[in-house]
């Protein structure tokens, strides 16, 4: 889930599909800030939800 703020209680911006590209801009305290590549919507996702690019 892409959220407006780094909190599980924050408003949802939109759901990211499994495998969808997310461009990481910053990662701090368990939250990654960046944007969904497909539509450039900016927000936060839990760091543990991201998969490393190989």
PDB file of N, CA and C in Angstrom:
ATOM      1  N   UNK A   1       0.845  -1.179   0.000  1.00  0.00           N
ATOM      2  CA  UNK A   1       0.000   0.000   0.000  1.00  0.00           C
ATOM      3  C   UNK A   1       0.890   1.241   0.000  1.00  0.00           C
ATOM      4  N   UNK A   2       0.634   2.151  -0.892  1.00  0.00           N
ATOM      5  CA  UNK A   2       1.321   3.443  -0.945  1.00  0.00           C
ATOM      6  C   UNK A   2       0.518   4.392  -0.068  1.00  0.00           C
ATOM      7  N   UNK A   3       1.185   4.995   0.930  1.00  0.00           N
ATOM      8  CA  UNK A   3       0.496   5.828   1.914  1.00  0.00           C
ATOM      9  C   UNK A   3       0.970   7.278   1.859  1.00  0.00           C
ATOM     10  N   UNK A   4       0.128   8.182   2.351  1.00  0.00           N
ATOM     11  CA  UNK A   4       0.431   9.609   2.325  1.00  0.00           C
ATOM     12  C   UNK A   4       1.497  10.021   3.337  1.00  0.00           C
ATOM     13  N   UNK A   5       1.649   9.255   4.406  1.00  0.00           N
ATOM     14  CA  UNK A   5       2.628   9.515   5.470  1.00  0.00           C
ATOM     15  C   UNK A   5       3.202   8.185   5.942  1.00  0.00           C
ATOM     16  N   UNK A   6       4.347   8.200   6.613  1.00  0.00           N
ATOM     17  CA  UNK A   6       4.965   6.958   7.063  1.00  0.00           C
ATOM     18  C   UNK A   6       4.291   6.364   8.303  1.00  0.00           C
ATOM     19  N   UNK A   7       3.086   5.873   8.114  1.00  0.00           N
ATOM     20  CA  UNK A   7       2.309   5.293   9.207  1.00  0.00           C
ATOM     21  C   UNK A   7       1.248   4.355   8.629  1.00  0.00           C
ATOM     22  N   UNK A   8       1.004   3.247   9.323  1.00  0.00           N
ATOM     23  CA  UNK A   8      -0.062   2.341   8.887  1.00  0.00           C
ATOM     24  C   UNK A   8      -1.432   2.991   8.973  1.00  0.00           C
ATOM     25  N   UNK A   9      -1.554   4.026   9.790  1.00  0.00           N
ATOM     26  CA  UNK A   9      -2.828   4.729   9.951  1.00  0.00           C
ATOM     27  C   UNK A   9      -3.023   5.843   8.917  1.00  0.00           C
ATOM     28  N   UNK A  10      -2.003   6.142   8.120  1.00  0.00           N
ATOM     29  CA  UNK A  10      -2.092   7.216   7.122  1.00  0.00           C
ATOM     30  C   UNK A  10      -3.026   6.826   5.980  1.00  0.00           C
ATOM     31  N   UNK A  11      -3.554   7.833   5.331  1.00  0.00           N
ATOM     32  CA  UNK A  11      -4.446   7.607   4.189  1.00  0.00           C
ATOM     33  C   UNK A  11      -3.721   6.859   3.076  1.00  0.00           C
ATOM     34  N   UNK A  12      -4.438   5.955   2.435  1.00  0.00           N
ATOM     35  CA  UNK A  12      -3.895   5.221   1.292  1.00  0.00           C
ATOM     36  C   UNK A  12      -3.917   6.107   0.056  1.00  0.00           C
ATOM     37  N   UNK A  13      -2.799   6.134  -0.647  1.00  0.00           N
ATOM     38  CA  UNK A  13      -2.726   6.853  -1.921  1.00  0.00           C
ATOM     39  C   UNK A  13      -3.227   5.920  -3.017  1.00  0.00           C
ATOM     40  N   UNK A  14      -2.692   4.710  -3.017  1.00  0.00           N
ATOM     41  CA  UNK A  14      -3.162   3.654  -3.916  1.00  0.00           C
ATOM     42  C   UNK A  14      -2.433   2.368  -3.595  1.00  0.00           C
ATOM     43  N   UNK A  15      -2.934   1.273  -4.097  1.00  0.00           N
ATOM     44  CA  UNK A  15      -2.299  -0.017  -3.873  1.00  0.00           C
ATOM     45  C   UNK A  15      -1.279  -0.273  -4.970  1.00  0.00           C
ATOM     46  N   UNK A  16      -0.122  -0.756  -4.577  1.00  0.00           N
ATOM     47  CA  UNK A  16       0.900  -1.147  -5.543  1.00  0.00           C
ATOM     48  C   UNK A  16       0.726  -2.629  -5.851  1.00  0.00           C
ATOM     49  N   UNK A  17       0.759  -2.974  -7.123  1.00  0.00           N
ATOM     50  CA  UNK A  17       0.648  -4.373  -7.522  1.00  0.00           C
ATOM     51  C   UNK A  17       1.947  -5.099  -7.216  1.00  0.00           C
ATOM     52  N   UNK A  18       1.850  -6.378  -6.955  1.00  0.00           N
ATOM     53  CA  UNK A  18       3.035  -7.185  -6.720  1.00  0.00           C
ATOM     54  C   UNK A  18       3.950  -7.101  -7.937  1.00  0.00           C
ATOM     55  N   UNK A  19       5.210  -6.769  -7.718  1.00  0.00           N
ATOM     56  CA  UNK A  19       6.172  -6.653  -8.812  1.00  0.00           C
ATOM     57  C   UNK A  19       6.179  -5.304  -9.507  1.00  0.00           C
ATOM     58  N   UNK A  20       5.265  -4.413  -9.139  1.00  0.00           N
ATOM     59  CA  UNK A  20       5.221  -3.089  -9.757  1.00  0.00           C
ATOM     60  C   UNK A  20       6.459  -2.281  -9.354  1.00  0.00           C
ATOM     61  N   UNK A  21       7.025  -1.543 -10.275  1.00  0.00           N
ATOM     62  CA  UNK A  21       8.229  -0.760 -10.013  1.00  0.00           C
ATOM     63  C   UNK A  21       7.932   0.418  -9.083  1.00  0.00           C
ATOM     64  N   UNK A  22       8.767   0.540  -8.058  1.00  0.00           N
ATOM     65  CA  UNK A  22       8.690   1.639  -7.096  1.00  0.00           C
ATOM     66  C   UNK A  22      10.067   2.253  -7.023  1.00  0.00           C
ATOM     67  N   UNK A  23      10.166   3.543  -7.290  1.00  0.00           N
ATOM     68  CA  UNK A  23      11.455   4.236  -7.271  1.00  0.00           C
ATOM     69  C   UNK A  23      11.719   4.796  -5.884  1.00  0.00           C
ATOM     70  N   UNK A  24      12.694   4.226  -5.223  1.00  0.00           N
ATOM     71  CA  UNK A  24      13.051   4.597  -3.859  1.00  0.00           C
ATOM     72  C   UNK A  24      13.861   5.890  -3.857  1.00  0.00           C
ATOM     73  N   UNK A  25      13.414   6.862  -3.053  1.00  0.00           N
ATOM     74  CA  UNK A  25      14.134   8.118  -2.900  1.00  0.00           C
ATOM     75  C   UNK A  25      14.797   8.216  -1.530  1.00  0.00           C
ATOM     76  N   UNK A  26      14.178   7.625  -0.514  1.00  0.00           N
ATOM     77  CA  UNK A  26      14.723   7.636   0.845  1.00  0.00           C
ATOM     78  C   UNK A  26      14.151   6.462   1.620  1.00  0.00           C
ATOM     79  N   UNK A  27      14.949   5.917   2.516  1.00  0.00           N
ATOM     80  CA  UNK A  27      14.501   4.809   3.355  1.00  0.00           C
ATOM     81  C   UNK A  27      14.960   5.089   4.776  1.00  0.00           C
ATOM     82  N   UNK A  28      14.008   5.240   5.687  1.00  0.00           N
ATOM     83  CA  UNK A  28      14.342   5.597   7.060  1.00  0.00           C
ATOM     84  C   UNK A  28      13.310   5.043   8.032  1.00  0.00           C
ATOM     85  N   UNK A  29      13.788   4.468   9.114  1.00  0.00           N
ATOM     86  CA  UNK A  29      12.940   3.987  10.209  1.00  0.00           C
ATOM     87  C   UNK A  29      11.830   3.034   9.756  1.00  0.00           C
ATOM     88  N   UNK A  30      12.152   2.192   8.781  1.00  0.00           N
ATOM     89  CA  UNK A  30      11.194   1.184   8.341  1.00  0.00           C
ATOM     90  C   UNK A  30      10.215   1.626   7.270  1.00  0.00           C
ATOM     91  N   UNK A  31      10.380   2.867   6.796  1.00  0.00           N
ATOM     92  CA  UNK A  31       9.500   3.370   5.745  1.00  0.00           C
ATOM     93  C   UNK A  31      10.322   3.877   4.562  1.00  0.00           C
ATOM     94  N   UNK A  32       9.893   3.481   3.368  1.00  0.00           N
ATOM     95  CA  UNK A  32      10.537   3.922   2.139  1.00  0.00           C
ATOM     96  C   UNK A  32       9.672   4.989   1.490  1.00  0.00           C
ATOM     97  N   UNK A  33      10.293   6.088   1.101  1.00  0.00           N
ATOM     98  CA  UNK A  33       9.586   7.178   0.424  1.00  0.00           C
ATOM     99  C   UNK A  33      10.027   7.190  -1.027  1.00  0.00           C
ATOM    100  N   UNK A  34       9.070   7.287  -1.922  1.00  0.00           N
ATOM    101  CA  UNK A  34       9.386   7.281  -3.338  1.00  0.00           C
ATOM    102  C   UNK A  34       8.114   7.393  -4.164  1.00  0.00           C
ATOM    103  N   UNK A  35       8.171   6.843  -5.375  1.00  0.00           N
ATOM    104  CA  UNK A  35       6.998   6.954  -6.252  1.00  0.00           C
ATOM    105  C   UNK A  35       6.820   5.697  -7.095  1.00  0.00           C
ATOM    106  N   UNK A  36       5.571   5.460  -7.438  1.00  0.00           N
ATOM    107  CA  UNK A  36       5.230   4.360  -8.332  1.00  0.00           C
ATOM    108  C   UNK A  36       5.641   4.777  -9.741  1.00  0.00           C
ATOM    109  N   UNK A  37       6.416   3.953 -10.386  1.00  0.00           N
ATOM    110  CA  UNK A  37       6.939   4.326 -11.698  1.00  0.00           C
ATOM    111  C   UNK A  37       5.846   4.521 -12.745  1.00  0.00           C
ATOM    112  N   UNK A  38       4.794   3.739 -12.685  1.00  0.00           N
ATOM    113  CA  UNK A  38       3.763   3.779 -13.735  1.00  0.00           C
ATOM    114  C   UNK A  38       2.998   5.098 -13.801  1.00  0.00           C
ATOM    115  N   UNK A  39       2.697   5.694 -12.656  1.00  0.00           N
ATOM    116  CA  UNK A  39       1.917   6.941 -12.689  1.00  0.00           C
ATOM    117  C   UNK A  39       2.532   8.068 -11.858  1.00  0.00           C
ATOM    118  N   UNK A  40       3.731   7.822 -11.322  1.00  0.00           N
ATOM    119  CA  UNK A  40       4.488   8.831 -10.556  1.00  0.00           C
ATOM    120  C   UNK A  40       3.795   9.311  -9.289  1.00  0.00           C
ATOM    121  N   UNK A  41       2.886   8.508  -8.734  1.00  0.00           N
ATOM    122  CA  UNK A  41       2.233   8.865  -7.469  1.00  0.00           C
ATOM    123  C   UNK A  41       3.231   8.677  -6.342  1.00  0.00           C
ATOM    124  N   UNK A  42       3.408   9.699  -5.535  1.00  0.00           N
ATOM    125  CA  UNK A  42       4.404   9.724  -4.475  1.00  0.00           C
ATOM    126  C   UNK A  42       3.788   9.283  -3.155  1.00  0.00           C
ATOM    127  N   UNK A  43       4.573   8.557  -2.360  1.00  0.00           N
ATOM    128  CA  UNK A  43       4.113   8.167  -1.047  1.00  0.00           C
ATOM    129  C   UNK A  43       5.108   7.272  -0.338  1.00  0.00           C
ATOM    130  N   UNK A  44       4.645   6.659   0.735  1.00  0.00           N
ATOM    131  CA  UNK A  44       5.461   5.811   1.590  1.00  0.00           C
ATOM    132  C   UNK A  44       4.963   4.377   1.548  1.00  0.00           C
ATOM    133  N   UNK A  45       5.906   3.458   1.577  1.00  0.00           N
ATOM    134  CA  UNK A  45       5.591   2.038   1.723  1.00  0.00           C
ATOM    135  C   UNK A  45       6.490   1.481   2.825  1.00  0.00           C
ATOM    136  N   UNK A  46       6.055   0.426   3.456  1.00  0.00           N
ATOM    137  CA  UNK A  46       6.907  -0.202   4.454  1.00  0.00           C
ATOM    138  C   UNK A  46       8.134  -0.788   3.764  1.00  0.00           C
ATOM    139  N   UNK A  47       9.291  -0.507   4.315  1.00  0.00           N
ATOM    140  CA  UNK A  47      10.546  -0.966   3.710  1.00  0.00           C
ATOM    141  C   UNK A  47      10.568  -2.474   3.495  1.00  0.00           C
ATOM    142  N   UNK A  48      10.010  -3.214   4.441  1.00  0.00           N
ATOM    143  CA  UNK A  48      10.041  -4.690   4.328  1.00  0.00           C
ATOM    144  C   UNK A  48       9.192  -5.209   3.175  1.00  0.00           C
ATOM    145  N   UNK A  49       8.327  -4.379   2.615  1.00  0.00           N
ATOM    146  CA  UNK A  49       7.474  -4.797   1.499  1.00  0.00           C
ATOM    147  C   UNK A  49       8.196  -4.718   0.163  1.00  0.00           C
ATOM    148  N   UNK A  50       9.359  -4.076   0.142  1.00  0.00           N
ATOM    149  CA  UNK A  50      10.097  -3.906  -1.108  1.00  0.00           C
ATOM    150  C   UNK A  50      11.036  -5.083  -1.335  1.00  0.00           C
ATOM    151  N   UNK A  51      11.162  -5.460  -2.594  1.00  0.00           N
ATOM    152  CA  UNK A  51      12.104  -6.509  -2.987  1.00  0.00           C
ATOM    153  C   UNK A  51      13.294  -5.859  -3.667  1.00  0.00           C
ATOM    154  N   UNK A  52      14.496  -6.326  -3.374  1.00  0.00           N
ATOM    155  CA  UNK A  52      15.666  -5.749  -4.051  1.00  0.00           C
ATOM    156  C   UNK A  52      15.657  -6.088  -5.542  1.00  0.00           C
ATOM    157  N   UNK A  53      16.197  -5.199  -6.333  1.00  0.00           N
ATOM    158  CA  UNK A  53      16.314  -5.420  -7.779  1.00  0.00           C
ATOM    159  C   UNK A  53      17.591  -6.200  -8.012  1.00  0.00           C
ATOM    160  N   UNK A  54      17.489  -7.239  -8.819  1.00  0.00           N
ATOM    161  CA  UNK A  54      18.691  -8.034  -9.080  1.00  0.00           C
ATOM    162  C   UNK A  54      19.242  -7.774 -10.449  1.00  0.00           C
TER     163      UNK A  54
END
